[in-house]
Amino acid sequence: MKKIHYLLLALVCGFFASCADGNSNFFTQEWDEPATDATLYGNNDIKATNVVTIDALKTKFKNEIDNEGQYKLITEDMQIKAIVTANDIQGNMYNEISVQDETGAIFIGIAQGGICGYLPEGTEILVDLKGLYIGNYRKSATIGTPYTNSSGDTSVSRMPRFLWQQHFKLTGNRMPLKPELFADGSTKTTWDIAKDAGKLCVIKNVSFKKGGYYNSDTKQYVDNVPFVAGESTFSDPNYSTSWYFKEQPDGQTGGVQIYTSNYADFAAVKLPTGKVNITGVVKRYRDQWEIIIRSLDDIEEVK
C-alpha cells in the first residue's frame, strides 16, 4: 500500500514540475490569448493557389455588381484573403458578414445565425470562390447564391450554411481594425460609391435630422419622419429605419444615412441628441450610402 502512495505522490510531483518548466505559464497565469479552433469551422483543405485582391475581384465582375438582377457563377480557382469587419454580434446584420483587405471590401451572405461566435471581428479568413456566385443586392457587392423574392426581383443573397463551411478557412490570424474617415461634419465624402462601399468607416461630428421607415414584408415606406430629441429610437418596432444627418446630404443620390434593423438588439434605444462620431460598415444601397453600425459601441457622443 505504501508503494502505491509513493507512486501517486511521484506522479503528482512530476505533473507540477512539468507545469513549472519554461514551456508553461501555469503558475504565472500568463495565458496565451485563446483562439478560435480552426479545426472546428471551415475547410482546412483550401489552398491559397490564386489569391486575388477584393478590388481585382470587383473589377473582374463589375457588370454583375453594377447592374441589379445580374450575377455570375465563379468557375475558376481563385481565393480572397480578408479580415472580417462586421458580423451579427448585436443583430443589426442579418445572415451576412463584411470582409475587407487593403484594396477594398465586399459582403458575404450566409444563411446562419450566431456567425459572430466563430468569425469575430478582426478574424482573417481565406475564401475559396470557385462554385460561389457574385453579384449584388441593390448594387451592394455580394458573394453568395442567387435569390428571387416574391416580386420576382433577383439578387445575390445568403448561401446555405453547409456550403459556406466548405468555402472558407480560418488562417489563425487576428488583425486590429482601423476605420477610415468617411466624412467630418458638413464636409462631403470623397469616397467612390462603387469602389469603397463595404469598407469600415467613421463619420464624425454629425447629428440626426430626419428618418424613414421601411417594412420589407408589407413594402410600406414612411418618409420624412421627424427626429424628436429624447424620443426617437434607432429603429421603429415595425420598420427598419434610416436616419439622415443635418450636416450631410440626404436623398436618393449621394445621400448618407445610418441604417438600423428593427431586429437589432439596440433598436429601441433612444438616439443621442447631440453630435456623434459613428463607426460602421458603409454599404451601398443603389446610389445612397448606408452606414451599418455593429453595436452600440460604434456610437460615440461628442463632448
C-alpha atoms as a PDB file:
ATOM      1  CA  MET A   1       0.000   0.000   0.000  1.00  0.00           C
ATOM      2  CA  LYS A   2       2.863   2.379   0.862  1.00  0.00           C
ATOM      3  CA  LYS A   3       4.379   1.763  -2.560  1.00  0.00           C
ATOM      4  CA  ILE A   4       1.123   2.863  -4.193  1.00  0.00           C
ATOM      5  CA  HIS A   5       1.067   6.070  -2.113  1.00  0.00           C
ATOM      6  CA  TYR A   6       4.656   6.851  -3.066  1.00  0.00           C
ATOM      7  CA  LEU A   7       3.906   6.183  -6.705  1.00  0.00           C
ATOM      8  CA  LEU A   8       0.918   8.557  -6.695  1.00  0.00           C
ATOM      9  CA  LEU A   9       2.967  11.207  -4.898  1.00  0.00           C
ATOM     10  CA  ALA A  10       5.706  10.909  -7.513  1.00  0.00           C
ATOM     11  CA  LEU A  11       3.206  11.287 -10.343  1.00  0.00           C
ATOM     12  CA  VAL A  12       1.668  14.413  -8.774  1.00  0.00           C
ATOM     13  CA  CYS A  13       5.100  15.968  -8.194  1.00  0.00           C
ATOM     14  CA  GLY A  14       6.076  15.157 -11.758  1.00  0.00           C
ATOM     15  CA  PHE A  15       2.915  16.858 -13.060  1.00  0.00           C
ATOM     16  CA  PHE A  16       3.565  20.104 -11.190  1.00  0.00           C
ATOM     17  CA  ALA A  17       7.232  20.051 -12.108  1.00  0.00           C
ATOM     18  CA  SER A  18       6.348  19.795 -15.778  1.00  0.00           C
ATOM     19  CA  CYS A  19       3.887  22.680 -15.389  1.00  0.00           C
ATOM     20  CA  ALA A  20       6.532  24.833 -13.792  1.00  0.00           C
ATOM     21  CA  ASP A  21       9.175  24.487 -16.513  1.00  0.00           C
ATOM     22  CA  GLY A  22       9.898  27.075 -19.197  1.00  0.00           C
ATOM     23  CA  ASN A  23       7.222  25.689 -21.539  1.00  0.00           C
ATOM     24  CA  SER A  24       4.292  26.539 -19.307  1.00  0.00           C
ATOM     25  CA  ASN A  25       2.614  29.595 -17.820  1.00  0.00           C
ATOM     26  CA  PHE A  26       0.661  27.623 -15.253  1.00  0.00           C
ATOM     27  CA  PHE A  27       1.981  29.378 -12.138  1.00  0.00           C
ATOM     28  CA  THR A  28       2.425  32.835 -13.630  1.00  0.00           C
ATOM     29  CA  GLN A  29      -1.054  32.696 -15.227  1.00  0.00           C
ATOM     30  CA  GLU A  30       0.346  34.348 -18.348  1.00  0.00           C
ATOM     31  CA  TRP A  31      -2.045  32.501 -20.599  1.00  0.00           C
ATOM     32  CA  ASP A  32      -1.894  32.806 -24.348  1.00  0.00           C
ATOM     33  CA  GLU A  33      -4.896  34.548 -25.882  1.00  0.00           C
ATOM     34  CA  PRO A  34      -7.483  31.892 -26.770  1.00  0.00           C
ATOM     35  CA  ALA A  35      -8.001  31.482 -30.493  1.00  0.00           C
ATOM     36  CA  THR A  36     -10.865  30.004 -32.464  1.00  0.00           C
ATOM     37  CA  ASP A  37     -10.086  26.343 -33.163  1.00  0.00           C
ATOM     38  CA  ALA A  38      -9.508  26.229 -36.911  1.00  0.00           C
ATOM     39  CA  THR A  39     -10.363  22.514 -36.952  1.00  0.00           C
ATOM     40  CA  LEU A  40     -13.961  23.099 -35.844  1.00  0.00           C
ATOM     41  CA  TYR A  41     -15.042  25.517 -38.573  1.00  0.00           C
ATOM     42  CA  GLY A  42     -14.474  25.826 -42.272  1.00  0.00           C
ATOM     43  CA  ASN A  43     -12.447  23.731 -44.674  1.00  0.00           C
ATOM     44  CA  ASN A  44      -8.769  23.261 -43.845  1.00  0.00           C
ATOM     45  CA  ASP A  45      -8.122  21.677 -47.253  1.00  0.00           C
ATOM     46  CA  ILE A  46      -8.425  25.039 -49.008  1.00  0.00           C
ATOM     47  CA  LYS A  47      -5.111  26.107 -50.522  1.00  0.00           C
ATOM     48  CA  ALA A  48      -4.037  29.638 -51.420  1.00  0.00           C
ATOM     49  CA  THR A  49      -3.334  28.892 -55.077  1.00  0.00           C
ATOM     50  CA  ASN A  50      -4.633  32.055 -56.763  1.00  0.00           C
ATOM     51  CA  VAL A  51      -5.329  34.764 -54.204  1.00  0.00           C
ATOM     52  CA  VAL A  52      -6.743  37.934 -55.777  1.00  0.00           C
ATOM     53  CA  THR A  53      -7.476  41.258 -54.143  1.00  0.00           C
ATOM     54  CA  ILE A  54     -11.043  42.309 -53.476  1.00  0.00           C
ATOM     55  CA  ASP A  55     -10.569  45.256 -55.815  1.00  0.00           C
ATOM     56  CA  ALA A  56      -9.439  42.914 -58.592  1.00  0.00           C
ATOM     57  CA  LEU A  57     -12.409  40.640 -57.916  1.00  0.00           C
ATOM     58  CA  LYS A  58     -14.888  43.528 -58.088  1.00  0.00           C
ATOM     59  CA  THR A  59     -13.256  44.817 -61.263  1.00  0.00           C
ATOM     60  CA  LYS A  60     -13.452  41.403 -62.920  1.00  0.00           C
ATOM     61  CA  PHE A  61     -17.164  41.092 -62.159  1.00  0.00           C
ATOM     62  CA  LYS A  62     -18.029  44.777 -62.482  1.00  0.00           C
ATOM     63  CA  ASN A  63     -21.034  44.155 -64.742  1.00  0.00           C
ATOM     64  CA  GLU A  64     -22.627  41.726 -62.286  1.00  0.00           C
ATOM     65  CA  ILE A  65     -22.026  44.073 -59.351  1.00  0.00           C
ATOM     66  CA  ASP A  66     -23.172  47.309 -61.003  1.00  0.00           C
ATOM     67  CA  ASN A  67     -26.404  46.016 -62.526  1.00  0.00           C
ATOM     68  CA  GLU A  68     -29.302  44.825 -60.401  1.00  0.00           C
ATOM     69  CA  GLY A  69     -30.546  41.345 -61.219  1.00  0.00           C
ATOM     70  CA  GLN A  70     -27.156  40.297 -62.613  1.00  0.00           C
ATOM     71  CA  TYR A  71     -24.939  37.606 -61.105  1.00  0.00           C
ATOM     72  CA  LYS A  72     -22.373  35.056 -62.216  1.00  0.00           C
ATOM     73  CA  LEU A  73     -21.057  31.703 -61.070  1.00  0.00           C
ATOM     74  CA  ILE A  74     -17.326  31.824 -60.357  1.00  0.00           C
ATOM     75  CA  THR A  75     -15.872  28.884 -62.264  1.00  0.00           C
ATOM     76  CA  GLU A  76     -12.117  29.368 -61.934  1.00  0.00           C
ATOM     77  CA  ASP A  77      -9.881  28.630 -58.998  1.00  0.00           C
ATOM     78  CA  MET A  78      -9.403  31.865 -57.071  1.00  0.00           C
ATOM     79  CA  GLN A  79      -9.453  32.959 -53.473  1.00  0.00           C
ATOM     80  CA  ILE A  80      -9.569  36.160 -51.443  1.00  0.00           C
ATOM     81  CA  LYS A  81      -7.831  36.620 -48.112  1.00  0.00           C
ATOM     82  CA  ALA A  82      -9.570  39.207 -45.968  1.00  0.00           C
ATOM     83  CA  ILE A  83     -10.442  40.404 -42.469  1.00  0.00           C
ATOM     84  CA  VAL A  84     -13.956  40.168 -41.020  1.00  0.00           C
ATOM     85  CA  THR A  85     -15.056  43.732 -40.254  1.00  0.00           C
ATOM     86  CA  ALA A  86     -18.679  43.148 -39.239  1.00  0.00           C
ATOM     87  CA  ASN A  87     -20.974  40.288 -38.250  1.00  0.00           C
ATOM     88  CA  ASP A  88     -24.250  39.679 -36.398  1.00  0.00           C
ATOM     89  CA  ILE A  89     -22.921  40.432 -32.911  1.00  0.00           C
ATOM     90  CA  GLN A  90     -25.901  42.637 -31.938  1.00  0.00           C
ATOM     91  CA  GLY A  91     -28.359  41.662 -34.641  1.00  0.00           C
ATOM     92  CA  ASN A  92     -28.040  44.665 -36.940  1.00  0.00           C
ATOM     93  CA  MET A  93     -26.503  42.491 -39.637  1.00  0.00           C
ATOM     94  CA  TYR A  94     -28.573  39.507 -40.649  1.00  0.00           C
ATOM     95  CA  ASN A  95     -27.152  36.409 -42.305  1.00  0.00           C
ATOM     96  CA  GLU A  96     -24.094  38.152 -43.706  1.00  0.00           C
ATOM     97  CA  ILE A  97     -20.625  39.407 -42.896  1.00  0.00           C
ATOM     98  CA  SER A  98     -18.430  42.059 -44.423  1.00  0.00           C
ATOM     99  CA  VAL A  99     -14.779  41.423 -45.194  1.00  0.00           C
ATOM    100  CA  GLN A 100     -12.002  43.786 -46.227  1.00  0.00           C
ATOM    101  CA  ASP A 101      -8.421  43.721 -47.467  1.00  0.00           C
ATOM    102  CA  GLU A 102      -6.032  46.565 -48.272  1.00  0.00           C
ATOM    103  CA  THR A 103      -7.783  47.233 -51.600  1.00  0.00           C
ATOM    104  CA  GLY A 104     -11.494  47.098 -50.851  1.00  0.00           C
ATOM    105  CA  ALA A 105     -14.405  45.303 -49.223  1.00  0.00           C
ATOM    106  CA  ILE A 106     -17.318  43.010 -50.042  1.00  0.00           C
ATOM    107  CA  PHE A 107     -20.253  41.318 -48.306  1.00  0.00           C
ATOM    108  CA  ILE A 108     -20.744  37.556 -47.981  1.00  0.00           C
ATOM    109  CA  GLY A 109     -24.265  36.190 -47.486  1.00  0.00           C
ATOM    110  CA  ILE A 110     -24.556  33.197 -45.132  1.00  0.00           C
ATOM    111  CA  ALA A 111     -27.810  31.562 -44.013  1.00  0.00           C
ATOM    112  CA  GLN A 112     -26.780  31.188 -40.401  1.00  0.00           C
ATOM    113  CA  GLY A 113     -27.219  32.925 -37.069  1.00  0.00           C
ATOM    114  CA  GLY A 114     -24.537  33.350 -34.442  1.00  0.00           C
ATOM    115  CA  ILE A 115     -21.788  33.908 -37.006  1.00  0.00           C
ATOM    116  CA  CYS A 116     -20.024  36.203 -34.546  1.00  0.00           C
ATOM    117  CA  GLY A 117     -19.255  33.165 -32.394  1.00  0.00           C
ATOM    118  CA  TYR A 118     -16.707  31.737 -34.819  1.00  0.00           C
ATOM    119  CA  LEU A 119     -15.987  34.778 -37.018  1.00  0.00           C
ATOM    120  CA  PRO A 120     -15.381  37.650 -34.588  1.00  0.00           C
ATOM    121  CA  GLU A 121     -14.329  40.999 -35.977  1.00  0.00           C
ATOM    122  CA  GLY A 122     -10.647  41.028 -36.891  1.00  0.00           C
ATOM    123  CA  THR A 123     -10.550  37.362 -37.933  1.00  0.00           C
ATOM    124  CA  GLU A 124      -8.627  36.657 -41.120  1.00  0.00           C
ATOM    125  CA  ILE A 125     -10.171  34.123 -43.488  1.00  0.00           C
ATOM    126  CA  LEU A 126      -9.278  32.575 -46.836  1.00  0.00           C
ATOM    127  CA  VAL A 127     -12.345  32.216 -49.067  1.00  0.00           C
ATOM    128  CA  ASP A 128     -12.439  29.760 -51.971  1.00  0.00           C
ATOM    129  CA  LEU A 129     -14.599  31.494 -54.579  1.00  0.00           C
ATOM    130  CA  LYS A 130     -14.971  28.700 -57.124  1.00  0.00           C
ATOM    131  CA  GLY A 131     -18.552  27.433 -57.057  1.00  0.00           C
ATOM    132  CA  LEU A 132     -19.978  30.572 -55.423  1.00  0.00           C
ATOM    133  CA  TYR A 133     -21.893  33.388 -57.098  1.00  0.00           C
ATOM    134  CA  ILE A 134     -21.003  37.056 -57.225  1.00  0.00           C
ATOM    135  CA  GLY A 135     -23.397  39.899 -57.918  1.00  0.00           C
ATOM    136  CA  ASN A 136     -25.189  42.470 -55.822  1.00  0.00           C
ATOM    137  CA  TYR A 137     -28.071  43.321 -53.566  1.00  0.00           C
ATOM    138  CA  ARG A 138     -29.333  46.776 -54.521  1.00  0.00           C
ATOM    139  CA  LYS A 139     -25.865  47.344 -56.057  1.00  0.00           C
ATOM    140  CA  SER A 140     -24.049  46.276 -52.896  1.00  0.00           C
ATOM    141  CA  ALA A 141     -21.320  43.843 -53.996  1.00  0.00           C
ATOM    142  CA  THR A 142     -22.109  40.415 -52.547  1.00  0.00           C
ATOM    143  CA  ILE A 143     -20.828  36.840 -52.664  1.00  0.00           C
ATOM    144  CA  GLY A 144     -23.388  34.095 -52.076  1.00  0.00           C
ATOM    145  CA  THR A 145     -26.084  32.322 -54.072  1.00  0.00           C
ATOM    146  CA  PRO A 146     -28.937  33.651 -56.282  1.00  0.00           C
ATOM    147  CA  TYR A 147     -32.234  34.575 -54.669  1.00  0.00           C
ATOM    148  CA  THR A 148     -35.567  35.628 -56.181  1.00  0.00           C
ATOM    149  CA  ASN A 149     -38.058  37.437 -53.951  1.00  0.00           C
ATOM    150  CA  SER A 150     -41.845  37.370 -54.118  1.00  0.00           C
ATOM    151  CA  SER A 151     -41.841  40.280 -56.573  1.00  0.00           C
ATOM    152  CA  GLY A 152     -39.583  38.409 -58.965  1.00  0.00           C
ATOM    153  CA  ASP A 153     -36.516  40.545 -58.257  1.00  0.00           C
ATOM    154  CA  THR A 154     -33.260  38.589 -58.386  1.00  0.00           C
ATOM    155  CA  SER A 155     -30.168  39.295 -56.302  1.00  0.00           C
ATOM    156  CA  VAL A 156     -27.246  37.524 -54.696  1.00  0.00           C
ATOM    157  CA  SER A 157     -28.070  36.559 -51.137  1.00  0.00           C
ATOM    158  CA  ARG A 158     -27.177  34.144 -48.366  1.00  0.00           C
ATOM    159  CA  MET A 159     -25.725  30.748 -49.226  1.00  0.00           C
ATOM    160  CA  PRO A 160     -26.605  27.616 -47.230  1.00  0.00           C
ATOM    161  CA  ARG A 161     -24.573  27.120 -44.079  1.00  0.00           C
ATOM    162  CA  PHE A 162     -23.070  23.815 -45.242  1.00  0.00           C
ATOM    163  CA  LEU A 163     -21.884  25.443 -48.477  1.00  0.00           C
ATOM    164  CA  TRP A 164     -20.169  28.253 -46.601  1.00  0.00           C
ATOM    165  CA  GLN A 165     -18.370  25.783 -44.361  1.00  0.00           C
ATOM    166  CA  GLN A 166     -16.853  24.217 -47.488  1.00  0.00           C
ATOM    167  CA  HIS A 167     -15.643  27.545 -48.863  1.00  0.00           C
ATOM    168  CA  PHE A 168     -13.723  29.279 -46.108  1.00  0.00           C
ATOM    169  CA  LYS A 169     -10.703  28.603 -43.978  1.00  0.00           C
ATOM    170  CA  LEU A 170      -9.563  30.264 -40.757  1.00  0.00           C
ATOM    171  CA  THR A 171      -5.945  31.340 -41.160  1.00  0.00           C
ATOM    172  CA  GLY A 172      -5.429  31.655 -37.410  1.00  0.00           C
ATOM    173  CA  ASN A 173      -4.533  35.349 -37.715  1.00  0.00           C
ATOM    174  CA  ARG A 174      -6.274  38.250 -35.976  1.00  0.00           C
ATOM    175  CA  MET A 175      -5.876  41.834 -37.093  1.00  0.00           C
ATOM    176  CA  PRO A 176      -6.723  45.144 -35.417  1.00  0.00           C
ATOM    177  CA  LEU A 177      -9.471  47.070 -37.203  1.00  0.00           C
ATOM    178  CA  LYS A 178      -8.826  50.682 -38.158  1.00  0.00           C
ATOM    179  CA  PRO A 179     -11.814  52.503 -39.674  1.00  0.00           C
ATOM    180  CA  GLU A 180     -11.101  55.109 -42.333  1.00  0.00           C
ATOM    181  CA  LEU A 181     -12.555  58.603 -42.212  1.00  0.00           C
ATOM    182  CA  PHE A 182     -15.663  58.788 -44.386  1.00  0.00           C
ATOM    183  CA  ALA A 183     -16.628  62.404 -43.665  1.00  0.00           C
ATOM    184  CA  ASP A 184     -16.292  65.038 -40.955  1.00  0.00           C
ATOM    185  CA  GLY A 185     -19.197  67.366 -40.211  1.00  0.00           C
ATOM    186  CA  SER A 186     -20.560  69.042 -43.334  1.00  0.00           C
ATOM    187  CA  THR A 187     -17.550  68.061 -45.476  1.00  0.00           C
ATOM    188  CA  LYS A 188     -18.742  65.782 -48.254  1.00  0.00           C
ATOM    189  CA  THR A 189     -17.143  62.392 -48.596  1.00  0.00           C
ATOM    190  CA  THR A 190     -14.555  61.789 -51.291  1.00  0.00           C
ATOM    191  CA  TRP A 191     -15.215  58.045 -51.290  1.00  0.00           C
ATOM    192  CA  ASP A 192     -16.182  56.297 -54.512  1.00  0.00           C
ATOM    193  CA  ILE A 193     -19.509  54.522 -54.046  1.00  0.00           C
ATOM    194  CA  ALA A 194     -18.580  51.661 -56.389  1.00  0.00           C
ATOM    195  CA  LYS A 195     -15.025  51.137 -55.207  1.00  0.00           C
ATOM    196  CA  ASP A 196     -15.184  51.970 -51.478  1.00  0.00           C
ATOM    197  CA  ALA A 197     -18.609  50.647 -50.457  1.00  0.00           C
ATOM    198  CA  GLY A 198     -18.324  47.893 -47.868  1.00  0.00           C
ATOM    199  CA  LYS A 199     -15.351  49.351 -46.004  1.00  0.00           C
ATOM    200  CA  LEU A 200     -15.209  50.051 -42.287  1.00  0.00           C
ATOM    201  CA  CYS A 201     -15.579  53.779 -41.792  1.00  0.00           C
ATOM    202  CA  VAL A 202     -16.084  56.528 -39.244  1.00  0.00           C
ATOM    203  CA  ILE A 203     -18.199  59.625 -39.814  1.00  0.00           C
ATOM    204  CA  LYS A 204     -17.534  62.434 -37.351  1.00  0.00           C
ATOM    205  CA  ASN A 205     -19.419  65.385 -35.884  1.00  0.00           C
ATOM    206  CA  VAL A 206     -22.875  64.676 -37.253  1.00  0.00           C
ATOM    207  CA  SER A 207     -26.323  64.939 -35.670  1.00  0.00           C
ATOM    208  CA  PHE A 208     -29.661  63.357 -36.523  1.00  0.00           C
ATOM    209  CA  LYS A 209     -32.114  65.226 -38.736  1.00  0.00           C
ATOM    210  CA  LYS A 210     -34.970  63.062 -40.013  1.00  0.00           C
ATOM    211  CA  GLY A 211     -35.710  59.459 -40.835  1.00  0.00           C
ATOM    212  CA  GLY A 212     -37.507  56.971 -42.992  1.00  0.00           C
ATOM    213  CA  TYR A 213     -39.242  53.681 -42.138  1.00  0.00           C
ATOM    214  CA  TYR A 214     -39.484  50.593 -44.346  1.00  0.00           C
ATOM    215  CA  ASN A 215     -41.315  47.304 -43.816  1.00  0.00           C
ATOM    216  CA  SER A 216     -39.937  44.626 -46.156  1.00  0.00           C
ATOM    217  CA  ASP A 217     -42.977  42.378 -45.619  1.00  0.00           C
ATOM    218  CA  THR A 218     -45.660  44.926 -46.478  1.00  0.00           C
ATOM    219  CA  LYS A 219     -43.412  47.040 -48.752  1.00  0.00           C
ATOM    220  CA  GLN A 220     -44.654  50.070 -46.828  1.00  0.00           C
ATOM    221  CA  TYR A 221     -42.368  53.106 -46.698  1.00  0.00           C
ATOM    222  CA  VAL A 222     -42.806  56.140 -44.479  1.00  0.00           C
ATOM    223  CA  ASP A 223     -40.623  59.135 -45.329  1.00  0.00           C
ATOM    224  CA  ASN A 224     -39.744  62.399 -43.571  1.00  0.00           C
ATOM    225  CA  VAL A 225     -40.092  61.046 -40.055  1.00  0.00           C
ATOM    226  CA  PRO A 226     -39.091  63.911 -37.721  1.00  0.00           C
ATOM    227  CA  PHE A 227     -36.287  63.407 -35.223  1.00  0.00           C
ATOM    228  CA  VAL A 228     -37.601  64.104 -31.722  1.00  0.00           C
ATOM    229  CA  ALA A 229     -34.900  64.604 -29.109  1.00  0.00           C
ATOM    230  CA  GLY A 230     -35.321  62.220 -26.185  1.00  0.00           C
ATOM    231  CA  GLU A 231     -37.942  60.129 -28.009  1.00  0.00           C
ATOM    232  CA  SER A 232     -36.643  58.887 -31.357  1.00  0.00           C
ATOM    233  CA  THR A 233     -35.084  55.432 -31.266  1.00  0.00           C
ATOM    234  CA  PHE A 234     -32.590  53.711 -33.544  1.00  0.00           C
ATOM    235  CA  SER A 235     -35.436  51.760 -35.141  1.00  0.00           C
ATOM    236  CA  ASP A 236     -39.206  51.549 -35.041  1.00  0.00           C
ATOM    237  CA  PRO A 237     -40.562  48.193 -33.742  1.00  0.00           C
ATOM    238  CA  ASN A 238     -42.276  47.514 -37.068  1.00  0.00           C
ATOM    239  CA  TYR A 239     -39.838  49.015 -39.546  1.00  0.00           C
ATOM    240  CA  SER A 240     -36.200  49.011 -40.440  1.00  0.00           C
ATOM    241  CA  THR A 241     -35.173  52.626 -40.017  1.00  0.00           C
ATOM    242  CA  SER A 242     -32.831  55.046 -41.737  1.00  0.00           C
ATOM    243  CA  TRP A 243     -31.781  58.326 -40.108  1.00  0.00           C
ATOM    244  CA  TYR A 244     -30.255  61.194 -42.072  1.00  0.00           C
ATOM    245  CA  PHE A 245     -27.877  63.818 -40.725  1.00  0.00           C
ATOM    246  CA  LYS A 246     -28.183  67.602 -40.531  1.00  0.00           C
ATOM    247  CA  GLU A 247     -24.647  68.001 -41.826  1.00  0.00           C
ATOM    248  CA  GLN A 248     -24.723  65.542 -44.749  1.00  0.00           C
ATOM    249  CA  PRO A 249     -26.802  65.296 -47.940  1.00  0.00           C
ATOM    250  CA  ASP A 250     -29.904  63.139 -47.979  1.00  0.00           C
ATOM    251  CA  GLY A 251     -31.922  61.758 -50.832  1.00  0.00           C
ATOM    252  CA  GLN A 252     -31.802  59.053 -53.448  1.00  0.00           C
ATOM    253  CA  THR A 253     -28.486  60.162 -54.958  1.00  0.00           C
ATOM    254  CA  GLY A 254     -25.457  60.666 -52.763  1.00  0.00           C
ATOM    255  CA  GLY A 255     -27.461  60.634 -49.552  1.00  0.00           C
ATOM    256  CA  VAL A 256     -25.802  59.480 -46.323  1.00  0.00           C
ATOM    257  CA  GLN A 257     -27.783  57.646 -43.661  1.00  0.00           C
ATOM    258  CA  ILE A 258     -27.398  55.323 -40.701  1.00  0.00           C
ATOM    259  CA  TYR A 259     -29.468  52.165 -41.111  1.00  0.00           C
ATOM    260  CA  THR A 260     -30.820  50.037 -38.246  1.00  0.00           C
ATOM    261  CA  SER A 261     -32.813  46.819 -38.458  1.00  0.00           C
ATOM    262  CA  ASN A 262     -35.845  46.600 -36.198  1.00  0.00           C
ATOM    263  CA  TYR A 263     -34.416  43.239 -35.064  1.00  0.00           C
ATOM    264  CA  ALA A 264     -31.199  44.798 -33.761  1.00  0.00           C
ATOM    265  CA  ASP A 265     -30.610  44.350 -30.031  1.00  0.00           C
ATOM    266  CA  PHE A 266     -30.440  48.126 -29.624  1.00  0.00           C
ATOM    267  CA  ALA A 267     -33.401  49.001 -31.876  1.00  0.00           C
ATOM    268  CA  ALA A 268     -35.413  50.506 -29.004  1.00  0.00           C
ATOM    269  CA  VAL A 269     -32.528  52.561 -27.595  1.00  0.00           C
ATOM    270  CA  LYS A 270     -33.029  56.324 -27.877  1.00  0.00           C
ATOM    271  CA  LEU A 271     -30.812  58.193 -30.303  1.00  0.00           C
ATOM    272  CA  PRO A 272     -28.262  60.686 -28.966  1.00  0.00           C
ATOM    273  CA  THR A 273     -29.489  64.273 -29.181  1.00  0.00           C
ATOM    274  CA  GLY A 274     -26.188  65.995 -29.901  1.00  0.00           C
ATOM    275  CA  LYS A 275     -23.298  65.446 -32.257  1.00  0.00           C
ATOM    276  CA  VAL A 276     -21.805  61.972 -32.566  1.00  0.00           C
ATOM    277  CA  ASN A 277     -18.981  60.073 -34.192  1.00  0.00           C
ATOM    278  CA  ILE A 278     -20.267  56.881 -35.803  1.00  0.00           C
ATOM    279  CA  THR A 279     -18.185  53.856 -36.769  1.00  0.00           C
ATOM    280  CA  GLY A 280     -19.668  51.221 -39.041  1.00  0.00           C
ATOM    281  CA  VAL A 281     -19.563  49.396 -42.322  1.00  0.00           C
ATOM    282  CA  VAL A 282     -20.655  51.663 -45.138  1.00  0.00           C
ATOM    283  CA  LYS A 283     -22.958  49.885 -47.545  1.00  0.00           C
ATOM    284  CA  ARG A 284     -24.189  50.863 -50.980  1.00  0.00           C
ATOM    285  CA  TYR A 285     -27.952  50.979 -51.395  1.00  0.00           C
ATOM    286  CA  ARG A 286     -28.325  51.803 -55.065  1.00  0.00           C
ATOM    287  CA  ASP A 287     -26.882  55.351 -55.145  1.00  0.00           C
ATOM    288  CA  GLN A 288     -27.046  56.072 -51.419  1.00  0.00           C
ATOM    289  CA  TRP A 289     -24.603  55.455 -48.577  1.00  0.00           C
ATOM    290  CA  GLU A 290     -25.852  53.358 -45.658  1.00  0.00           C
ATOM    291  CA  ILE A 291     -23.752  53.164 -42.510  1.00  0.00           C
ATOM    292  CA  ILE A 292     -24.412  49.930 -40.612  1.00  0.00           C
ATOM    293  CA  ILE A 293     -23.266  50.008 -37.007  1.00  0.00           C
ATOM    294  CA  ARG A 294     -22.321  46.697 -35.433  1.00  0.00           C
ATOM    295  CA  SER A 295     -23.103  47.509 -31.806  1.00  0.00           C
ATOM    296  CA  LEU A 296     -23.809  50.497 -29.573  1.00  0.00           C
ATOM    297  CA  ASP A 297     -20.056  50.760 -29.025  1.00  0.00           C
ATOM    298  CA  ASP A 298     -19.915  52.215 -32.531  1.00  0.00           C
ATOM    299  CA  ILE A 299     -21.675  55.386 -31.335  1.00  0.00           C
ATOM    300  CA  GLU A 300     -19.517  57.991 -29.608  1.00  0.00           C
ATOM    301  CA  GLU A 301     -21.135  61.171 -28.315  1.00  0.00           C
ATOM    302  CA  VAL A 302     -19.025  64.270 -28.966  1.00  0.00           C
ATOM    303  CA  LYS A 303     -18.380  66.172 -25.759  1.00  0.00           C
END
